[in-house]
Every structure is written in structure tokens, then in C-alpha cells.
Protein backbone atom coordinates (compact mmCIF):
# COMPACT_ATOMS: atom_id res chain seq x y z
CA GLN A 1 -39.88 -25.26 17.57
CA ALA A 2 -39.66 -22.52 14.95
CA MET A 3 -40.22 -19.92 17.65
CA LEU A 4 -37.43 -21.41 19.78
CA PHE A 5 -35.12 -21.50 16.77
CA PHE A 6 -35.64 -17.82 15.93
CA LEU A 7 -35.39 -16.87 19.60
CA GLY A 8 -32.09 -18.69 19.91
CA LEU A 9 -30.84 -17.12 16.66
CA ALA A 10 -31.81 -13.64 17.88
CA THR A 11 -30.04 -14.30 21.19
CA LEU A 12 -26.84 -15.38 19.43
CA LEU A 13 -26.99 -12.36 17.15
CA ALA A 14 -27.48 -9.99 20.08
CA TYR A 15 -24.59 -11.64 21.93
CA ALA A 16 -22.33 -11.32 18.86
CA VAL A 17 -23.22 -7.63 18.43
CA ALA A 18 -22.60 -6.98 22.14
CA ARG A 19 -19.18 -8.63 21.94
CA TYR A 20 -18.38 -6.67 18.79
CA TYR A 21 -19.05 -3.32 20.44
CA ALA A 22 -17.25 -4.39 23.60
CA ARG A 23 -14.20 -4.88 21.39
CA VAL A 24 -14.80 -1.52 19.68
CA ARG A 25 -14.59 0.26 23.03
CA LYS A 26 -11.01 -0.96 23.50
CA TYR A 27 -9.76 1.11 20.56
CA PRO A 28 -9.44 4.89 20.05
CA PRO A 29 -12.74 6.48 18.98
CA GLY A 30 -13.58 6.88 15.33
CA PRO A 31 -16.54 6.95 12.95
CA PHE A 32 -19.36 4.74 14.21
CA PRO A 33 -18.86 1.20 12.81
CA TRP A 34 -21.76 -1.02 11.81
CA PRO A 35 -21.72 -4.56 13.23
CA PHE A 36 -19.43 -6.96 11.37
CA ILE A 37 -18.89 -4.67 8.32
CA GLY A 38 -17.34 -1.77 10.23
CA ASN A 39 -16.77 1.41 8.22
CA ILE A 40 -16.41 -0.21 4.80
CA TYR A 41 -19.41 1.67 3.44
CA GLN A 42 -17.94 5.06 4.48
CA GLN A 43 -14.60 4.82 2.71
CA ASN A 44 -13.45 5.68 -0.78
CA TYR A 45 -11.22 2.75 -1.72
CA SER A 46 -10.24 4.21 -5.11
CA ARG A 47 -8.85 7.34 -3.35
CA LYS A 48 -8.00 5.91 0.02
CA HIS A 49 -5.35 8.54 0.77
CA LEU A 50 -8.14 11.14 1.06
CA ASN A 51 -10.02 9.31 3.82
CA SER A 52 -8.08 11.12 6.55
CA GLU A 53 -9.26 14.47 5.21
CA CYS A 54 -12.79 13.25 5.87
CA PHE A 55 -12.33 11.63 9.29
CA ALA A 56 -9.30 13.24 10.98
CA PRO A 57 -10.82 16.68 11.76
CA ASP A 58 -13.42 15.06 14.05
CA PHE A 59 -10.84 13.33 16.24
CA ASP A 60 -7.78 14.47 18.18
CA GLY A 61 -4.81 13.14 16.24
CA ILE A 62 -5.84 9.48 16.34
CA TYR A 63 -8.88 7.49 15.22
CA THR A 64 -9.93 3.96 14.33
CA LEU A 65 -11.50 2.67 11.12
CA TYR A 66 -12.91 -0.86 10.81
CA ASN A 67 -12.34 -2.66 7.48
CA PRO A 68 -13.99 -4.62 9.21
CA HIS A 69 -10.90 -5.29 11.34
CA PRO A 70 -9.67 -2.27 13.34
CA ASN A 71 -7.05 0.00 11.77
CA ILE A 72 -5.67 2.85 13.88
CA TYR A 73 -4.62 6.06 12.10
CA LEU A 74 -2.26 8.71 13.49
CA THR A 75 -2.84 12.15 12.01
CA ASP A 76 -0.79 14.71 13.96
CA TYR A 77 2.94 15.37 14.24
CA GLU A 78 3.24 14.57 17.96
CA GLY A 79 1.62 11.14 17.61
CA LEU A 80 3.65 10.24 14.53
CA ARG A 81 6.91 11.30 16.17
CA GLU A 82 6.18 9.30 19.31
CA ALA A 83 5.25 6.18 17.35
CA PHE A 84 7.96 6.15 14.69
CA VAL A 85 10.88 8.04 16.25
CA GLU A 86 10.73 7.85 20.04
CA ARG A 87 9.23 4.33 20.09
CA GLY A 88 10.12 3.17 16.60
CA GLU A 89 11.14 -0.33 17.68
CA ASP A 90 7.75 -0.90 19.34
CA TYR A 91 5.91 0.02 16.13
CA SER A 92 8.19 -1.64 13.59
CA GLY A 93 5.92 -4.67 13.11
CA ARG A 94 3.45 -5.17 10.28
CA PRO A 95 0.24 -7.18 10.21
CA ILE A 96 0.67 -10.47 8.38
CA ASN A 97 -1.99 -10.61 5.66
CA ILE A 98 -2.35 -13.61 3.36
CA PHE A 99 -3.71 -11.42 0.57
CA LEU A 100 -0.61 -9.18 0.52
CA GLN A 101 1.71 -12.17 0.82
CA GLU A 102 0.13 -13.98 -2.13
CA MET A 103 -0.48 -10.90 -4.27
CA PHE A 104 2.84 -9.07 -4.19
CA MET A 105 5.48 -11.41 -2.80
CA TYR A 106 7.42 -14.27 -4.38
CA ALA A 107 8.50 -15.79 -1.04
CA PRO A 108 6.82 -16.02 2.38
CA ASN A 109 7.57 -12.98 4.56
CA GLY A 110 10.08 -11.70 2.01
CA GLY A 111 11.17 -8.31 0.74
CA VAL A 112 11.53 -5.03 2.61
CA ILE A 113 8.03 -3.56 2.35
CA ASN A 114 5.72 -6.35 3.55
CA SER A 115 8.02 -8.59 5.60
CA ASN A 116 7.83 -8.63 9.37
CA GLY A 117 9.85 -9.34 12.50
CA GLU A 118 13.49 -10.42 12.41
CA ASN A 119 13.23 -11.27 8.74
CA TRP A 120 12.33 -7.62 7.99
CA ARG A 121 15.33 -6.39 10.01
CA GLU A 122 17.64 -8.71 8.11
CA GLN A 123 16.15 -7.66 4.74
CA ARG A 124 16.53 -3.99 5.71
CA ARG A 125 20.17 -4.43 6.76
CA THR A 126 20.92 -6.28 3.52
CA ALA A 127 19.16 -3.67 1.37
CA LEU A 128 21.01 -0.79 3.05
CA SER A 129 24.34 -2.62 2.66
CA ILE A 130 23.72 -3.17 -1.05
CA LEU A 131 22.61 0.43 -1.57
CA ARG A 132 25.77 1.67 0.16
CA ASP A 133 27.81 -0.46 -2.25
CA PHE A 134 25.94 1.28 -5.08
CA GLY A 135 26.94 4.64 -3.63
CA MET A 136 24.14 5.67 -1.28
CA GLY A 137 25.35 8.51 0.92
CA LYS A 138 28.50 8.93 -1.18
CA ASN A 139 29.56 11.32 -3.91
CA LEU A 140 28.99 8.64 -6.56
CA MET A 141 25.23 8.53 -6.04
CA GLU A 142 25.07 12.32 -5.76
CA GLN A 143 26.81 12.59 -9.13
CA GLN A 144 24.35 10.15 -10.67
CA MET A 145 21.43 12.18 -9.33
CA HIS A 146 22.93 15.43 -10.62
CA ALA A 147 23.40 13.88 -14.07
CA ASN A 148 19.75 12.81 -14.19
CA ILE A 149 18.57 16.21 -12.97
CA GLU A 150 20.65 17.95 -15.65
CA GLU A 151 19.15 15.65 -18.30
CA TYR A 152 15.68 16.44 -16.93
CA LEU A 153 16.32 20.19 -17.24
CA GLU A 154 17.66 19.73 -20.77
CA ASN A 155 14.51 17.86 -21.76
CA LEU A 156 12.38 20.69 -20.38
CA GLU A 157 14.39 23.21 -22.42
CA LYS A 158 13.68 21.24 -25.60
CA ILE A 159 9.90 21.59 -25.16
CA GLY A 160 8.66 24.04 -27.75
CA ASP A 161 5.41 25.32 -26.22
CA LYS A 162 6.26 26.09 -22.60
CA SER A 163 2.81 27.57 -21.89
CA LYS A 164 1.43 24.04 -21.51
CA VAL A 165 3.91 21.63 -19.97
CA ASP A 166 2.90 18.28 -18.51
CA LEU A 167 5.60 17.58 -15.92
CA ARG A 168 4.41 14.07 -15.10
CA TRP A 169 6.54 12.11 -17.55
CA PRO A 170 9.69 14.24 -17.35
CA ILE A 171 9.64 13.81 -13.55
CA GLN A 172 8.76 10.10 -13.82
CA LEU A 173 11.66 9.61 -16.22
CA MET A 174 14.10 11.46 -13.95
CA VAL A 175 13.12 9.53 -10.80
CA GLY A 176 12.91 6.24 -12.69
CA ASN A 177 16.38 6.76 -14.14
CA ILE A 178 17.88 7.43 -10.71
CA ILE A 179 16.48 4.07 -9.55
CA THR A 180 17.32 2.05 -12.68
CA GLU A 181 20.83 3.45 -12.88
CA ALA A 182 21.52 2.59 -9.23
CA LEU A 183 20.05 -0.92 -9.47
CA PHE A 184 20.65 -1.98 -13.09
CA GLY A 185 23.38 0.33 -14.38
CA PHE A 186 21.45 1.95 -17.24
CA ARG A 187 19.06 4.84 -17.86
CA PHE A 188 16.29 5.53 -20.33
CA LYS A 189 16.78 8.32 -22.83
CA ASN A 190 13.94 10.76 -23.32
CA GLU A 191 13.29 9.48 -26.84
CA ASP A 192 13.32 5.84 -25.64
CA ARG A 193 11.14 6.21 -22.56
CA GLU A 194 8.09 4.38 -23.92
CA GLN A 195 8.97 1.10 -22.18
CA LEU A 196 9.20 2.82 -18.81
CA MET A 197 6.01 4.80 -19.46
CA LYS A 198 4.12 1.63 -20.40
CA TYR A 199 5.24 -0.10 -17.21
CA VAL A 200 4.19 2.86 -15.05
CA ARG A 201 0.80 3.06 -16.80
CA ASP A 202 0.16 -0.69 -16.51
CA PHE A 203 1.27 -0.79 -12.87
CA ALA A 204 -0.88 2.21 -11.92
CA GLN A 205 -3.88 0.83 -13.81
CA MET A 206 -3.55 -2.46 -11.97
CA PHE A 207 -3.93 -0.68 -8.62
CA VAL A 208 -6.88 1.34 -9.93
CA ASP A 209 -8.58 -1.89 -11.01
CA LEU A 210 -7.87 -3.48 -7.61
CA ALA A 211 -9.37 -0.48 -5.79
CA LYS A 212 -12.56 -0.80 -7.82
CA CYS A 213 -13.10 -4.46 -6.91
CA PRO A 214 -15.21 -4.90 -3.76
CA GLU A 215 -14.29 -8.58 -3.59
CA VAL A 216 -10.63 -7.59 -3.20
CA ALA A 217 -11.44 -5.38 -0.19
CA LEU A 218 -13.53 -8.21 1.29
CA CYS A 219 -10.78 -10.81 0.98
CA PHE A 220 -8.15 -8.34 2.18
CA ALA A 221 -10.25 -7.85 5.34
CA THR A 222 -11.17 -11.54 5.66
CA PRO A 223 -8.25 -13.60 4.28
CA SER A 224 -9.83 -16.89 5.37
CA LEU A 225 -12.14 -16.58 2.33
CA LEU A 226 -9.13 -17.20 0.08
CA LYS A 227 -9.08 -20.83 1.21
CA ILE A 228 -12.31 -21.43 -0.74
CA PRO A 229 -11.08 -22.44 -4.25
CA PHE A 230 -13.48 -20.47 -6.48
CA ILE A 231 -13.49 -17.37 -4.26
CA GLY A 232 -9.71 -17.44 -3.89
CA ASN A 233 -9.20 -17.55 -7.66
CA TYR A 234 -11.77 -14.82 -8.36
CA CYS A 235 -10.64 -12.45 -5.60
CA LEU A 236 -6.89 -12.94 -5.66
CA TYR A 237 -5.15 -15.24 -8.07
CA ARG A 238 -6.44 -13.75 -11.33
CA HIS A 239 -5.24 -10.32 -10.12
CA ARG A 240 -1.91 -11.78 -9.00
CA ASP A 241 -1.37 -13.28 -12.46
CA LYS A 242 -1.93 -9.83 -14.03
CA PHE A 243 0.55 -8.25 -11.63
CA ARG A 244 3.24 -10.83 -12.38
CA LYS A 245 2.61 -10.53 -16.11
CA VAL A 246 3.17 -6.75 -15.93
CA SER A 247 6.42 -7.22 -14.00
CA LYS A 248 7.63 -10.05 -16.23
CA ASN A 249 7.05 -8.06 -19.43
CA TYR A 250 9.02 -5.14 -18.03
CA ILE A 251 11.94 -7.24 -16.80
């Protein structure tokens, strides 16, 4: 009986692996994926934007990574133009992921970044309409941007030792002020920028911490795990509470 059990288990495993690689063949070629875990072990999740530098040179403008679900990456101008300009409507959808919905959104399928389908189109139209009311594309917004740029240049002039200038916070303050002035009607002065700097630091650190958590990558790839109470709290909800606390303190 034990022999039959292990034989049956081996047969099921072989069948599952065969089906997995039959599915792999349907997608553009990429780095060889291991069964069920894909290319997770090959990627740098803390510096994910550099993965293409590693994989793209071996493939002709398009490749697939498995996380463990397939993700297709376009890496040349022609492919990007075809997908997002010539056939933009065909590629306007986004995958619906429970992790993203629960982590960053306050309403199902809401917002502009992670919403999908007709709801995304409506959110985009509404956002553009509001931004136009605030002056987008008009002289008013251009004047606001010029004022913030002039203030940025003045702050640079006030720096005593110009041989060692860290441009990060002056640029962050300039860009942040353009956004806050358009949305909230106020700007941070250079001497009062600590609140904005703290928010940027806390927000960036939160993403660094998320990238270092393997359980986050696992639940992002397999959202069904979030339905298990202990795993869902450990992998998602404690991180979500930190994110909302950061945003609440800033607001």
C-alpha cells in the first residue's frame, strides 16, 4: 500500500510539473522557471527596478518572469510603443490583486493607480477634470511651477559650501510643493520642511521593509493565503496598519 501511495504521489507530481511547463510554453521565453516557485529565487525584490538590467539583454525586447505567476516585461521602444500607444486600449487593464487592494486602497477597485476596467476610466476622467480646474495645462499651473522653481534656486543659492550639495531634499521639496499647492493650496517653506521630509522618509522606509519581507512576496503571488487568519494578519494587515498610520499622521 505504501508503494502504491508513493507511486500515485509521484505520478500526480509529474503530471503537475508537465502541466506547469505546458503553460510556460504559451508565454514569451524568459529565464528558466523552477516548478511552482518560478523565478522568485533569481530576483532582487529590494531593488526590483534593476531586474531588467539582468534579464533583458538575453531576450529580444520581451521576456517572462514567474513570481510564481507569469509577468511579461517589455524592454524595447518598439514593443512599448505598440502596447501603450498604438494599442493602448487593449493594454489598459490591470491585474486585480487582493494584496494591493487591501494594502493601499480604502475602497474596492478605487483610485487611479490600482483600479481597473470602467471604474478606472471614470476615476481617470474625474481626476483629469479636477486637475484642469486646478490649472493643469493653463498659465495658472505654469506660474505655480515657476514660483516653486524660483524658490528652489533661491534655496540653492543660500547654501554656504557649494562643493558638497545634497540635491535630494531641495528637489523633493520643490516637487512636493508643486503637488501640495495644486491639491491643498499651501507649500512648505525650506525652514519648515521637516514634516514633509519625515513623511517621505517614513513612506520610503515602509516600502524598503516590505521588499525585505519574503512573506509579502509570497502572499502577493498567492493571494488566497490571505484568507487564512494568522497568515493574513502576519503577511498583510500589520503592514497595512503601518501604512495607514504613516498617512494619517501626515494628513
